[in-house]
Amino acid sequence: MNISKGKWTAWDDDGTGTLPCVLSDKVTAYGNFYVAQCHNFPDARAIAEVPNLIEALHNMLVSAVPGMNWTDESGQMMLNQAREILKRIEG
Protein backbone atom coordinates (compact mmCIF):
# COMPACT_ATOMS: atom_id res chain seq x y z
CA MET A 1 0.00 0.00 0.00
CA ASN A 2 1.35 3.44 -0.91
CA ILE A 3 0.05 6.15 1.44
CA SER A 4 1.22 9.66 0.60
CA LYS A 5 3.10 11.12 3.53
CA GLY A 6 2.23 14.44 5.00
CA LYS A 7 -0.79 16.02 6.51
CA TRP A 8 -4.28 15.09 5.34
CA THR A 9 -7.15 17.36 6.35
CA ALA A 10 -10.89 16.82 6.79
CA TRP A 11 -12.51 19.69 4.91
CA ASP A 12 -15.96 21.06 4.14
CA ASP A 13 -15.73 21.11 0.34
CA ASP A 14 -18.62 23.47 -0.35
CA GLY A 15 -18.70 25.59 2.83
CA THR A 16 -22.20 24.43 3.78
CA GLY A 17 -21.16 21.83 6.36
CA THR A 18 -22.68 19.07 4.23
CA LEU A 19 -19.93 17.95 1.83
CA PRO A 20 -17.02 16.47 3.82
CA CYS A 21 -13.88 15.42 1.99
CA VAL A 22 -10.22 14.75 2.75
CA LEU A 23 -7.43 16.78 1.18
CA SER A 24 -3.72 16.09 0.98
CA ASP A 25 -1.10 18.73 1.67
CA LYS A 26 0.38 17.86 -1.72
CA VAL A 27 -0.70 20.83 -3.82
CA THR A 28 -0.97 20.46 -7.59
CA ALA A 29 -1.12 23.21 -10.22
CA TYR A 30 -4.92 22.99 -9.95
CA GLY A 31 -5.22 23.16 -6.15
CA ASN A 32 -5.33 20.65 -3.32
CA PHE A 33 -5.35 16.94 -4.02
CA TYR A 34 -8.48 15.07 -2.98
CA VAL A 35 -7.86 11.90 -1.00
CA ALA A 36 -11.55 11.03 -0.48
CA GLN A 37 -15.07 12.37 -0.44
CA CYS A 38 -17.10 11.21 2.55
CA HIS A 39 -20.69 10.98 3.76
CA ASN A 40 -19.97 12.52 7.17
CA PHE A 41 -17.27 14.37 9.09
CA PRO A 42 -16.40 11.54 11.52
CA ASP A 43 -15.46 9.42 8.48
CA ALA A 44 -13.48 12.32 6.98
CA ARG A 45 -11.57 12.85 10.25
CA ALA A 46 -10.80 9.13 10.49
CA ILE A 47 -9.50 8.99 6.92
CA ALA A 48 -7.44 12.16 7.44
CA GLU A 49 -5.60 10.45 10.31
CA VAL A 50 -4.62 7.35 8.30
CA PRO A 51 -1.02 8.45 7.58
CA ASN A 52 -0.52 9.30 11.28
CA LEU A 53 -2.10 6.04 12.41
CA ILE A 54 0.10 4.03 10.08
CA GLU A 55 3.18 5.83 11.39
CA ALA A 56 2.15 5.22 15.03
CA LEU A 57 1.46 1.55 14.42
CA HIS A 58 4.71 1.20 12.52
CA ASN A 59 6.61 2.74 15.43
CA MET A 60 4.91 0.37 17.86
CA LEU A 61 5.69 -2.69 15.72
CA VAL A 62 9.32 -1.71 15.15
CA SER A 63 9.82 -1.21 18.88
CA ALA A 64 7.84 -4.25 20.01
CA VAL A 65 10.51 -6.71 21.00
CA PRO A 66 9.90 -9.77 23.15
CA GLY A 67 9.62 -8.78 26.78
CA MET A 68 9.11 -5.05 26.11
CA ASN A 69 7.84 -3.21 29.15
CA TRP A 70 4.89 -1.09 27.95
CA THR A 71 4.99 0.84 31.22
CA ASP A 72 8.45 2.33 30.58
CA GLU A 73 8.93 5.77 29.02
CA SER A 74 9.12 4.67 25.37
CA GLY A 75 6.14 2.33 25.75
CA GLN A 76 4.08 5.09 27.33
CA MET A 77 5.10 7.52 24.57
CA MET A 78 3.83 5.13 21.89
CA LEU A 79 0.58 4.47 23.74
CA ASN A 80 0.05 8.22 24.20
CA GLN A 81 0.68 8.78 20.47
CA ALA A 82 -2.00 6.21 19.63
CA ARG A 83 -4.39 7.84 22.14
CA GLU A 84 -3.86 11.30 20.61
CA ILE A 85 -4.62 9.98 17.12
CA LEU A 86 -7.80 8.32 18.34
CA LYS A 87 -8.81 11.57 20.08
CA ARG A 88 -8.38 13.50 16.79
CA ILE A 89 -10.37 10.86 14.87
CA GLU A 90 -13.21 11.00 17.38
CA GLY A 91 -13.25 14.80 17.25
PDB file of N, CA and C in Angstrom:
ATOM      1  N   MET A   1       0.844  -1.165   0.000  1.00  0.00           N
ATOM      2  CA  MET A   1       0.000   0.000   0.000  1.00  0.00           C
ATOM      3  C   MET A   1       0.893   1.231   0.000  1.00  0.00           C
ATOM      4  N   ASN A   2       0.566   2.215  -0.829  1.00  0.00           N
ATOM      5  CA  ASN A   2       1.347   3.437  -0.911  1.00  0.00           C
ATOM      6  C   ASN A   2       0.510   4.599  -0.398  1.00  0.00           C
ATOM      7  N   ILE A   3       0.777   5.032   0.835  1.00  0.00           N
ATOM      8  CA  ILE A   3       0.054   6.147   1.435  1.00  0.00           C
ATOM      9  C   ILE A   3       0.930   7.381   1.317  1.00  0.00           C
ATOM     10  N   SER A   4       0.413   8.449   0.699  1.00  0.00           N
ATOM     11  CA  SER A   4       1.223   9.659   0.599  1.00  0.00           C
ATOM     12  C   SER A   4       1.484  10.212   1.985  1.00  0.00           C
ATOM     13  N   LYS A   5       2.734  10.587   2.229  1.00  0.00           N
ATOM     14  CA  LYS A   5       3.095  11.122   3.528  1.00  0.00           C
ATOM     15  C   LYS A   5       2.664  12.569   3.608  1.00  0.00           C
ATOM     16  N   GLY A   6       2.594  13.045   4.810  1.00  0.00           N
ATOM     17  CA  GLY A   6       2.229  14.442   5.000  1.00  0.00           C
ATOM     18  C   GLY A   6       0.850  14.561   5.593  1.00  0.00           C
ATOM     19  N   LYS A   7       0.473  15.763   5.835  1.00  0.00           N
ATOM     20  CA  LYS A   7      -0.787  16.022   6.512  1.00  0.00           C
ATOM     21  C   LYS A   7      -1.979  15.868   5.556  1.00  0.00           C
ATOM     22  N   TRP A   8      -2.997  15.133   6.021  1.00  0.00           N
ATOM     23  CA  TRP A   8      -4.281  15.086   5.344  1.00  0.00           C
ATOM     24  C   TRP A   8      -5.255  15.859   6.211  1.00  0.00           C
ATOM     25  N   THR A   9      -6.235  16.496   5.612  1.00  0.00           N
ATOM     26  CA  THR A   9      -7.148  17.355   6.351  1.00  0.00           C
ATOM     27  C   THR A   9      -8.596  17.042   5.997  1.00  0.00           C
ATOM     28  N   ALA A  10      -9.450  16.909   7.020  1.00  0.00           N
ATOM     29  CA  ALA A  10     -10.894  16.818   6.791  1.00  0.00           C
ATOM     30  C   ALA A  10     -11.371  18.226   6.473  1.00  0.00           C
ATOM     31  N   TRP A  11     -12.165  18.378   5.428  1.00  0.00           N
ATOM     32  CA  TRP A  11     -12.510  19.689   4.908  1.00  0.00           C
ATOM     33  C   TRP A  11     -13.972  19.718   4.471  1.00  0.00           C
ATOM     34  N   ASP A  12     -14.603  20.847   4.647  1.00  0.00           N
ATOM     35  CA  ASP A  12     -15.965  21.059   4.141  1.00  0.00           C
ATOM     36  C   ASP A  12     -15.827  21.615   2.732  1.00  0.00           C
ATOM     37  N   ASP A  13     -16.050  20.766   1.731  1.00  0.00           N
ATOM     38  CA  ASP A  13     -15.734  21.113   0.344  1.00  0.00           C
ATOM     39  C   ASP A  13     -16.561  22.267  -0.217  1.00  0.00           C
ATOM     40  N   ASP A  14     -17.797  22.417   0.238  1.00  0.00           N
ATOM     41  CA  ASP A  14     -18.623  23.474  -0.351  1.00  0.00           C
ATOM     42  C   ASP A  14     -18.975  24.591   0.632  1.00  0.00           C
ATOM     43  N   GLY A  15     -18.455  24.530   1.857  1.00  0.00           N
ATOM     44  CA  GLY A  15     -18.699  25.590   2.832  1.00  0.00           C
ATOM     45  C   GLY A  15     -20.062  25.537   3.498  1.00  0.00           C
ATOM     46  N   THR A  16     -20.853  24.515   3.210  1.00  0.00           N
ATOM     47  CA  THR A  16     -22.197  24.426   3.785  1.00  0.00           C
ATOM     48  C   THR A  16     -22.249  23.499   4.996  1.00  0.00           C
ATOM     49  N   GLY A  17     -21.168  22.795   5.271  1.00  0.00           N
ATOM     50  CA  GLY A  17     -21.161  21.828   6.363  1.00  0.00           C
ATOM     51  C   GLY A  17     -21.756  20.493   5.969  1.00  0.00           C
ATOM     52  N   THR A  18     -22.016  20.298   4.678  1.00  0.00           N
ATOM     53  CA  THR A  18     -22.682  19.071   4.233  1.00  0.00           C
ATOM     54  C   THR A  18     -21.863  18.231   3.261  1.00  0.00           C
ATOM     55  N   LEU A  19     -20.698  18.698   2.830  1.00  0.00           N
ATOM     56  CA  LEU A  19     -19.925  17.952   1.831  1.00  0.00           C
ATOM     57  C   LEU A  19     -18.501  17.705   2.336  1.00  0.00           C
ATOM     58  N   PRO A  20     -18.349  16.742   3.279  1.00  0.00           N
ATOM     59  CA  PRO A  20     -17.022  16.469   3.820  1.00  0.00           C
ATOM     60  C   PRO A  20     -16.132  15.749   2.814  1.00  0.00           C
ATOM     61  N   CYS A  21     -14.861  16.106   2.818  1.00  0.00           N
ATOM     62  CA  CYS A  21     -13.878  15.424   1.991  1.00  0.00           C
ATOM     63  C   CYS A  21     -12.553  15.440   2.743  1.00  0.00           C
ATOM     64  N   VAL A  22     -11.554  14.788   2.169  1.00  0.00           N
ATOM     65  CA  VAL A  22     -10.220  14.751   2.747  1.00  0.00           C
ATOM     66  C   VAL A  22      -9.258  15.249   1.690  1.00  0.00           C
ATOM     67  N   LEU A  23      -8.428  16.214   2.082  1.00  0.00           N
ATOM     68  CA  LEU A  23      -7.435  16.780   1.180  1.00  0.00           C
ATOM     69  C   LEU A  23      -6.041  16.410   1.647  1.00  0.00           C
ATOM     70  N   SER A  24      -5.125  16.307   0.689  1.00  0.00           N
ATOM     71  CA  SER A  24      -3.720  16.089   0.984  1.00  0.00           C
ATOM     72  C   SER A  24      -3.022  17.437   1.038  1.00  0.00           C
ATOM     73  N   ASP A  25      -1.875  17.496   1.692  1.00  0.00           N
ATOM     74  CA  ASP A  25      -1.098  18.726   1.675  1.00  0.00           C
ATOM     75  C   ASP A  25      -0.258  18.830   0.408  1.00  0.00           C
ATOM     76  N   LYS A  26      -0.344  17.823  -0.454  1.00  0.00           N
ATOM     77  CA  LYS A  26       0.380  17.863  -1.716  1.00  0.00           C
ATOM     78  C   LYS A  26      -0.423  18.709  -2.698  1.00  0.00           C
ATOM     79  N   VAL A  27       0.041  19.891  -2.974  1.00  0.00           N
ATOM     80  CA  VAL A  27      -0.704  20.828  -3.822  1.00  0.00           C
ATOM     81  C   VAL A  27      -0.272  20.661  -5.268  1.00  0.00           C
ATOM     82  N   THR A  28      -1.243  20.572  -6.163  1.00  0.00           N
ATOM     83  CA  THR A  28      -0.967  20.463  -7.586  1.00  0.00           C
ATOM     84  C   THR A  28      -1.139  21.841  -8.224  1.00  0.00           C
ATOM     85  N   ALA A  29      -0.935  21.939  -9.507  1.00  0.00           N
ATOM     86  CA  ALA A  29      -1.125  23.207 -10.216  1.00  0.00           C
ATOM     87  C   ALA A  29      -2.586  23.640 -10.191  1.00  0.00           C
ATOM     88  N   TYR A  30      -3.489  22.688  -9.924  1.00  0.00           N
ATOM     89  CA  TYR A  30      -4.918  22.985  -9.945  1.00  0.00           C
ATOM     90  C   TYR A  30      -5.517  23.118  -8.550  1.00  0.00           C
ATOM     91  N   GLY A  31      -4.705  23.048  -7.513  1.00  0.00           N
ATOM     92  CA  GLY A  31      -5.218  23.155  -6.152  1.00  0.00           C
ATOM     93  C   GLY A  31      -4.893  21.930  -5.324  1.00  0.00           C
ATOM     94  N   ASN A  32      -5.597  21.769  -4.216  1.00  0.00           N
ATOM     95  CA  ASN A  32      -5.333  20.649  -3.317  1.00  0.00           C
ATOM     96  C   ASN A  32      -5.752  19.325  -3.926  1.00  0.00           C
ATOM     97  N   PHE A  33      -5.069  18.283  -3.541  1.00  0.00           N
ATOM     98  CA  PHE A  33      -5.347  16.942  -4.023  1.00  0.00           C
ATOM     99  C   PHE A  33      -6.376  16.256  -3.130  1.00  0.00           C
ATOM    100  N   TYR A  34      -7.455  15.788  -3.730  1.00  0.00           N
ATOM    101  CA  TYR A  34      -8.484  15.072  -2.983  1.00  0.00           C
ATOM    102  C   TYR A  34      -8.033  13.655  -2.678  1.00  0.00           C
ATOM    103  N   VAL A  35      -8.135  13.268  -1.406  1.00  0.00           N
ATOM    104  CA  VAL A  35      -7.865  11.896  -1.003  1.00  0.00           C
ATOM    105  C   VAL A  35      -9.168  11.108  -1.046  1.00  0.00           C
ATOM    106  N   ALA A  36     -10.261  11.719  -0.535  1.00  0.00           N
ATOM    107  CA  ALA A  36     -11.549  11.027  -0.475  1.00  0.00           C
ATOM    108  C   ALA A  36     -12.677  12.037  -0.305  1.00  0.00           C
ATOM    109  N   GLN A  37     -13.849  11.659  -0.777  1.00  0.00           N
ATOM    110  CA  GLN A  37     -15.074  12.371  -0.437  1.00  0.00           C
ATOM    111  C   GLN A  37     -15.847  11.447   0.491  1.00  0.00           C
ATOM    112  N   CYS A  38     -16.488  12.019   1.506  1.00  0.00           N
ATOM    113  CA  CYS A  38     -17.103  11.212   2.551  1.00  0.00           C
ATOM    114  C   CYS A  38     -18.574  11.573   2.724  1.00  0.00           C
ATOM    115  N   HIS A  39     -19.288  10.732   3.458  1.00  0.00           N
ATOM    116  CA  HIS A  39     -20.692  10.983   3.759  1.00  0.00           C
ATOM    117  C   HIS A  39     -20.874  11.794   5.030  1.00  0.00           C
ATOM    118  N   ASN A  40     -19.852  11.781   5.912  1.00  0.00           N
ATOM    119  CA  ASN A  40     -19.965  12.517   7.170  1.00  0.00           C
ATOM    120  C   ASN A  40     -18.577  12.901   7.670  1.00  0.00           C
ATOM    121  N   PHE A  41     -18.550  13.877   8.591  1.00  0.00           N
ATOM    122  CA  PHE A  41     -17.270  14.368   9.090  1.00  0.00           C
ATOM    123  C   PHE A  41     -16.520  13.375   9.975  1.00  0.00           C
ATOM    124  N   PRO A  42     -17.190  12.542  10.786  1.00  0.00           N
ATOM    125  CA  PRO A  42     -16.404  11.537  11.519  1.00  0.00           C
ATOM    126  C   PRO A  42     -15.603  10.628  10.581  1.00  0.00           C
ATOM    127  N   ASP A  43     -16.194  10.233   9.454  1.00  0.00           N
ATOM    128  CA  ASP A  43     -15.457   9.421   8.483  1.00  0.00           C
ATOM    129  C   ASP A  43     -14.293  10.218   7.892  1.00  0.00           C
ATOM    130  N   ALA A  44     -14.537  11.485   7.564  1.00  0.00           N
ATOM    131  CA  ALA A  44     -13.480  12.324   6.982  1.00  0.00           C
ATOM    132  C   ALA A  44     -12.324  12.482   7.965  1.00  0.00           C
ATOM    133  N   ARG A  45     -12.636  12.721   9.244  1.00  0.00           N
ATOM    134  CA  ARG A  45     -11.569  12.855  10.247  1.00  0.00           C
ATOM    135  C   ARG A  45     -10.787  11.554  10.390  1.00  0.00           C
ATOM    136  N   ALA A  46     -11.484  10.422  10.375  1.00  0.00           N
ATOM    137  CA  ALA A  46     -10.802   9.130  10.494  1.00  0.00           C
ATOM    138  C   ALA A  46      -9.860   8.895   9.312  1.00  0.00           C
ATOM    139  N   ILE A  47     -10.332   9.178   8.115  1.00  0.00           N
ATOM    140  CA  ILE A  47      -9.499   8.990   6.923  1.00  0.00           C
ATOM    141  C   ILE A  47      -8.310   9.941   6.953  1.00  0.00           C
ATOM    142  N   ALA A  48      -8.526  11.182   7.396  1.00  0.00           N
ATOM    143  CA  ALA A  48      -7.444  12.161   7.445  1.00  0.00           C
ATOM    144  C   ALA A  48      -6.321  11.732   8.374  1.00  0.00           C
ATOM    145  N   GLU A  49      -6.617  10.900   9.358  1.00  0.00           N
ATOM    146  CA  GLU A  49      -5.601  10.450  10.314  1.00  0.00           C
ATOM    147  C   GLU A  49      -4.867   9.185   9.875  1.00  0.00           C
ATOM    148  N   VAL A  50      -5.236   8.613   8.735  1.00  0.00           N
ATOM    149  CA  VAL A  50      -4.623   7.352   8.301  1.00  0.00           C
ATOM    150  C   VAL A  50      -3.100   7.422   8.233  1.00  0.00           C
ATOM    151  N   PRO A  51      -2.491   8.441   7.598  1.00  0.00           N
ATOM    152  CA  PRO A  51      -1.022   8.449   7.581  1.00  0.00           C
ATOM    153  C   PRO A  51      -0.418   8.481   8.985  1.00  0.00           C
ATOM    154  N   ASN A  52      -1.022   9.236   9.910  1.00  0.00           N
ATOM    155  CA  ASN A  52      -0.517   9.298  11.285  1.00  0.00           C
ATOM    156  C   ASN A  52      -0.702   7.964  12.001  1.00  0.00           C
ATOM    157  N   LEU A  53      -1.837   7.325  11.781  1.00  0.00           N
ATOM    158  CA  LEU A  53      -2.102   6.038  12.413  1.00  0.00           C
ATOM    159  C   LEU A  53      -1.121   4.980  11.918  1.00  0.00           C
ATOM    160  N   ILE A  54      -0.861   4.982  10.633  1.00  0.00           N
ATOM    161  CA  ILE A  54       0.102   4.029  10.080  1.00  0.00           C
ATOM    162  C   ILE A  54       1.483   4.257  10.681  1.00  0.00           C
ATOM    163  N   GLU A  55       1.880   5.525  10.798  1.00  0.00           N
ATOM    164  CA  GLU A  55       3.181   5.828  11.392  1.00  0.00           C
ATOM    165  C   GLU A  55       3.239   5.364  12.847  1.00  0.00           C
ATOM    166  N   ALA A  56       2.182   5.620  13.622  1.00  0.00           N
ATOM    167  CA  ALA A  56       2.155   5.217  15.029  1.00  0.00           C
ATOM    168  C   ALA A  56       2.224   3.700  15.162  1.00  0.00           C
ATOM    169  N   LEU A  57       1.442   3.009  14.357  1.00  0.00           N
ATOM    170  CA  LEU A  57       1.459   1.547  14.421  1.00  0.00           C
ATOM    171  C   LEU A  57       2.811   0.997  13.987  1.00  0.00           C
ATOM    172  N   HIS A  58       3.384   1.621  12.962  1.00  0.00           N
ATOM    173  CA  HIS A  58       4.714   1.198  12.516  1.00  0.00           C
ATOM    174  C   HIS A  58       5.725   1.363  13.652  1.00  0.00           C
ATOM    175  N   ASN A  59       5.691   2.509  14.313  1.00  0.00           N
ATOM    176  CA  ASN A  59       6.611   2.741  15.430  1.00  0.00           C
ATOM    177  C   ASN A  59       6.417   1.715  16.531  1.00  0.00           C
ATOM    178  N   MET A  60       5.171   1.370  16.818  1.00  0.00           N
ATOM    179  CA  MET A  60       4.906   0.371  17.859  1.00  0.00           C
ATOM    180  C   MET A  60       5.448  -0.997  17.445  1.00  0.00           C
ATOM    181  N   LEU A  61       5.243  -1.372  16.184  1.00  0.00           N
ATOM    182  CA  LEU A  61       5.694  -2.687  15.722  1.00  0.00           C
ATOM    183  C   LEU A  61       7.212  -2.772  15.675  1.00  0.00           C
ATOM    184  N   VAL A  62       7.870  -1.702  15.228  1.00  0.00           N
ATOM    185  CA  VAL A  62       9.323  -1.706  15.155  1.00  0.00           C
ATOM    186  C   VAL A  62       9.924  -1.840  16.544  1.00  0.00           C
ATOM    187  N   SER A  63       9.282  -1.214  17.523  1.00  0.00           N
ATOM    188  CA  SER A  63       9.818  -1.209  18.881  1.00  0.00           C
ATOM    189  C   SER A  63       9.366  -2.401  19.717  1.00  0.00           C
ATOM    190  N   ALA A  64       8.388  -3.142  19.224  1.00  0.00           N
ATOM    191  CA  ALA A  64       7.842  -4.254  20.014  1.00  0.00           C
ATOM    192  C   ALA A  64       8.784  -5.452  19.936  1.00  0.00           C
ATOM    193  N   VAL A  65       9.614  -5.565  20.921  1.00  0.00           N
ATOM    194  CA  VAL A  65      10.514  -6.711  21.001  1.00  0.00           C
ATOM    195  C   VAL A  65      10.029  -7.612  22.126  1.00  0.00           C
ATOM    196  N   PRO A  66      10.351  -8.873  22.073  1.00  0.00           N
ATOM    197  CA  PRO A  66       9.898  -9.767  23.148  1.00  0.00           C
ATOM    198  C   PRO A  66      10.295  -9.231  24.526  1.00  0.00           C
ATOM    199  N   GLY A  67       9.352  -9.225  25.421  1.00  0.00           N
ATOM    200  CA  GLY A  67       9.622  -8.783  26.782  1.00  0.00           C
ATOM    201  C   GLY A  67       9.595  -7.279  26.971  1.00  0.00           C
ATOM    202  N   MET A  68       9.132  -6.518  25.957  1.00  0.00           N
ATOM    203  CA  MET A  68       9.112  -5.054  26.106  1.00  0.00           C
ATOM    204  C   MET A  68       8.181  -4.658  27.245  1.00  0.00           C
ATOM    205  N   ASN A  69       8.631  -3.716  28.036  1.00  0.00           N
ATOM    206  CA  ASN A  69       7.843  -3.208  29.152  1.00  0.00           C
ATOM    207  C   ASN A  69       7.044  -1.998  28.674  1.00  0.00           C
ATOM    208  N   TRP A  70       5.732  -2.177  28.462  1.00  0.00           N
ATOM    209  CA  TRP A  70       4.895  -1.088  27.949  1.00  0.00           C
ATOM    210  C   TRP A  70       4.657   0.003  28.989  1.00  0.00           C
ATOM    211  N   THR A  71       5.152  -0.197  30.196  1.00  0.00           N
ATOM    212  CA  THR A  71       4.992   0.838  31.220  1.00  0.00           C
ATOM    213  C   THR A  71       6.215   1.741  31.310  1.00  0.00           C
ATOM    214  N   ASP A  72       7.286   1.443  30.545  1.00  0.00           N
ATOM    215  CA  ASP A  72       8.449   2.326  30.575  1.00  0.00           C
ATOM    216  C   ASP A  72       8.186   3.568  29.717  1.00  0.00           C
ATOM    217  N   GLU A  73       9.138   4.488  29.685  1.00  0.00           N
ATOM    218  CA  GLU A  73       8.934   5.772  29.015  1.00  0.00           C
ATOM    219  C   GLU A  73       8.626   5.640  27.529  1.00  0.00           C
ATOM    220  N   SER A  74       9.368   4.802  26.805  1.00  0.00           N
ATOM    221  CA  SER A  74       9.123   4.669  25.367  1.00  0.00           C
ATOM    222  C   SER A  74       7.789   3.979  25.098  1.00  0.00           C
ATOM    223  N   GLY A  75       7.435   2.993  25.907  1.00  0.00           N
ATOM    224  CA  GLY A  75       6.140   2.332  25.748  1.00  0.00           C
ATOM    225  C   GLY A  75       4.996   3.293  25.995  1.00  0.00           C
ATOM    226  N   GLN A  76       5.111   4.101  27.034  1.00  0.00           N
ATOM    227  CA  GLN A  76       4.078   5.094  27.335  1.00  0.00           C
ATOM    228  C   GLN A  76       3.977   6.135  26.233  1.00  0.00           C
ATOM    229  N   MET A  77       5.118   6.545  25.657  1.00  0.00           N
ATOM    230  CA  MET A  77       5.097   7.520  24.566  1.00  0.00           C
ATOM    231  C   MET A  77       4.301   6.979  23.372  1.00  0.00           C
ATOM    232  N   MET A  78       4.544   5.719  23.020  1.00  0.00           N
ATOM    233  CA  MET A  78       3.834   5.125  21.888  1.00  0.00           C
ATOM    234  C   MET A  78       2.342   4.982  22.176  1.00  0.00           C
ATOM    235  N   LEU A  79       1.995   4.574  23.379  1.00  0.00           N
ATOM    236  CA  LEU A  79       0.584   4.467  23.738  1.00  0.00           C
ATOM    237  C   LEU A  79      -0.086   5.841  23.721  1.00  0.00           C
ATOM    238  N   ASN A  80       0.599   6.864  24.220  1.00  0.00           N
ATOM    239  CA  ASN A  80       0.046   8.223  24.197  1.00  0.00           C
ATOM    240  C   ASN A  80      -0.135   8.722  22.770  1.00  0.00           C
ATOM    241  N   GLN A  81       0.806   8.396  21.872  1.00  0.00           N
ATOM    242  CA  GLN A  81       0.679   8.783  20.473  1.00  0.00           C
ATOM    243  C   GLN A  81      -0.578   8.160  19.866  1.00  0.00           C
ATOM    244  N   ALA A  82      -0.801   6.888  20.131  1.00  0.00           N
ATOM    245  CA  ALA A  82      -1.996   6.208  19.629  1.00  0.00           C
ATOM    246  C   ALA A  82      -3.259   6.840  20.213  1.00  0.00           C
ATOM    247  N   ARG A  83      -3.234   7.190  21.505  1.00  0.00           N
ATOM    248  CA  ARG A  83      -4.395   7.836  22.137  1.00  0.00           C
ATOM    249  C   ARG A  83      -4.700   9.189  21.508  1.00  0.00           C
ATOM    250  N   GLU A  84      -3.668   9.982  21.218  1.00  0.00           N
ATOM    251  CA  GLU A  84      -3.864  11.302  20.608  1.00  0.00           C
ATOM    252  C   GLU A  84      -4.483  11.178  19.213  1.00  0.00           C
ATOM    253  N   ILE A  85      -4.041  10.186  18.457  1.00  0.00           N
ATOM    254  CA  ILE A  85      -4.622   9.980  17.117  1.00  0.00           C
ATOM    255  C   ILE A  85      -6.088   9.606  17.240  1.00  0.00           C
ATOM    256  N   LEU A  86      -6.409   8.703  18.151  1.00  0.00           N
ATOM    257  CA  LEU A  86      -7.805   8.319  18.339  1.00  0.00           C
ATOM    258  C   LEU A  86      -8.639   9.512  18.781  1.00  0.00           C
ATOM    259  N   LYS A  87      -8.095  10.377  19.624  1.00  0.00           N
ATOM    260  CA  LYS A  87      -8.809  11.569  20.076  1.00  0.00           C
ATOM    261  C   LYS A  87      -9.121  12.486  18.873  1.00  0.00           C
ATOM    262  N   ARG A  88      -8.151  12.651  17.968  1.00  0.00           N
ATOM    263  CA  ARG A  88      -8.383  13.501  16.786  1.00  0.00           C
ATOM    264  C   ARG A  88      -9.422  12.863  15.862  1.00  0.00           C
ATOM    265  N   ILE A  89      -9.386  11.545  15.728  1.00  0.00           N
ATOM    266  CA  ILE A  89     -10.366  10.864  14.872  1.00  0.00           C
ATOM    267  C   ILE A  89     -11.769  11.040  15.437  1.00  0.00           C
ATOM    268  N   GLU A  90     -11.892  10.914  16.746  1.00  0.00           N
ATOM    269  CA  GLU A  90     -13.214  11.002  17.381  1.00  0.00           C
ATOM    270  C   GLU A  90     -13.715  12.434  17.511  1.00  0.00           C
ATOM    271  N   GLY A  91     -12.842  13.394  17.220  1.00  0.00           N
ATOM    272  CA  GLY A  91     -13.253  14.805  17.251  1.00  0.00           C
ATOM    273  C   GLY A  91     -13.295  15.289  18.636  1.00  0.00           C
TER     274      GLY A  91
END
